[in-house]
Protein backbone atom coordinates (compact mmCIF):
# COMPACT_ATOMS: atom_id res chain seq x y z
CA MET A 1 0.15 0.14 0.14
CA SER A 2 1.37 3.59 -0.82
CA VAL A 3 -0.06 5.92 0.41
CA ALA A 4 0.55 9.59 -0.39
CA THR A 5 -0.89 13.55 -0.20
CA HIS A 6 -1.91 15.02 -2.85
CA THR A 7 -3.53 18.56 -3.39
CA PHE A 8 -5.66 20.04 -6.28
CA ARG A 9 -6.78 23.94 -7.29
CA VAL A 10 -10.56 24.03 -7.95
CA GLU A 11 -12.38 26.35 -9.29
CA GLY A 12 -16.31 27.03 -9.22
CA MET A 13 -16.87 26.44 -5.95
CA HIS A 14 -19.60 28.91 -4.32
CA CYS A 15 -20.20 28.27 -1.15
CA GLY A 16 -19.69 25.88 1.89
CA SER A 17 -21.92 23.13 0.31
CA CYS A 18 -19.73 22.94 -2.68
CA SER A 19 -17.24 21.63 -0.25
CA LEU A 20 -19.63 19.30 1.19
CA LEU A 21 -20.09 18.13 -1.98
CA ILE A 22 -16.48 17.31 -2.85
CA ASP A 23 -15.85 15.79 -0.05
CA ASP A 24 -18.90 13.32 0.15
CA ALA A 25 -17.94 12.15 -3.44
CA LEU A 26 -14.33 11.83 -2.79
CA GLU A 27 -14.99 9.70 -0.04
CA ASP A 28 -17.03 7.31 -1.99
CA LEU A 29 -13.80 6.95 -3.75
CA PRO A 30 -11.69 3.96 -3.36
CA GLY A 31 -8.64 4.15 -1.59
CA VAL A 32 -9.18 7.80 -0.85
CA ARG A 33 -8.28 7.53 3.08
CA ALA A 34 -9.02 11.00 3.84
CA THR A 35 -10.43 14.61 2.16
CA GLN A 36 -10.45 18.26 3.27
CA THR A 37 -11.42 20.85 0.68
CA ALA A 38 -11.65 24.60 1.54
CA LEU A 39 -13.67 26.90 -0.23
CA LYS A 40 -11.40 29.98 1.03
CA GLN A 41 -8.65 28.90 -0.52
CA ALA A 42 -10.07 27.26 -3.75
CA ARG A 43 -8.31 23.99 -2.36
CA THR A 44 -8.79 19.78 -1.50
CA THR A 45 -6.31 18.01 -0.56
CA VAL A 46 -6.69 14.34 -0.09
CA GLU A 47 -5.00 11.06 1.30
CA LEU A 48 -5.15 8.52 -1.01
CA ASP A 49 -3.76 5.13 -1.68
CA LEU A 50 -1.89 5.26 -5.10
CA SER A 51 -2.75 1.03 -5.69
CA GLN A 52 -5.78 1.49 -5.33
CA ASN A 53 -6.99 5.37 -7.74
CA SER A 54 -4.79 7.79 -8.83
CA PRO A 55 -4.72 11.64 -8.33
CA GLN A 56 -6.24 11.54 -12.16
CA ASP A 57 -9.13 9.99 -11.04
CA VAL A 58 -9.85 12.73 -8.24
CA VAL A 59 -10.05 15.47 -10.59
CA LYS A 60 -12.20 13.15 -12.55
CA VAL A 61 -14.53 12.89 -9.44
CA ILE A 62 -14.75 16.46 -9.14
CA GLU A 63 -14.99 17.29 -12.52
CA GLU A 64 -17.64 14.94 -13.07
CA LEU A 65 -19.78 17.07 -9.92
CA GLY A 66 -19.16 20.46 -12.41
CA TYR A 67 -16.10 22.46 -10.48
CA ARG A 68 -11.99 22.47 -12.22
CA ALA A 69 -9.84 20.68 -10.55
CA SER A 70 -5.86 20.11 -11.52
CA PRO A 71 -3.53 19.07 -8.91
CA LEU A 72 -1.38 21.64 -7.21
CA LEU A 73 2.53 20.59 -7.60
């Protein structure tokens, strides 16, 4: 098991419900150990088991919700 923490920029959030929606969706993704989305910083941080999913899968989930996401390096 290879667990890593990744941070993503998230554009398009307007309220606290947006961040809750993102966190809820990411928690359903296999391999996500923890997630925290910050509206004011327009970021989400995800602790992810890389043997189950990749950062690109996180971006896909966020974009399927209607937001724009990109990894922060």
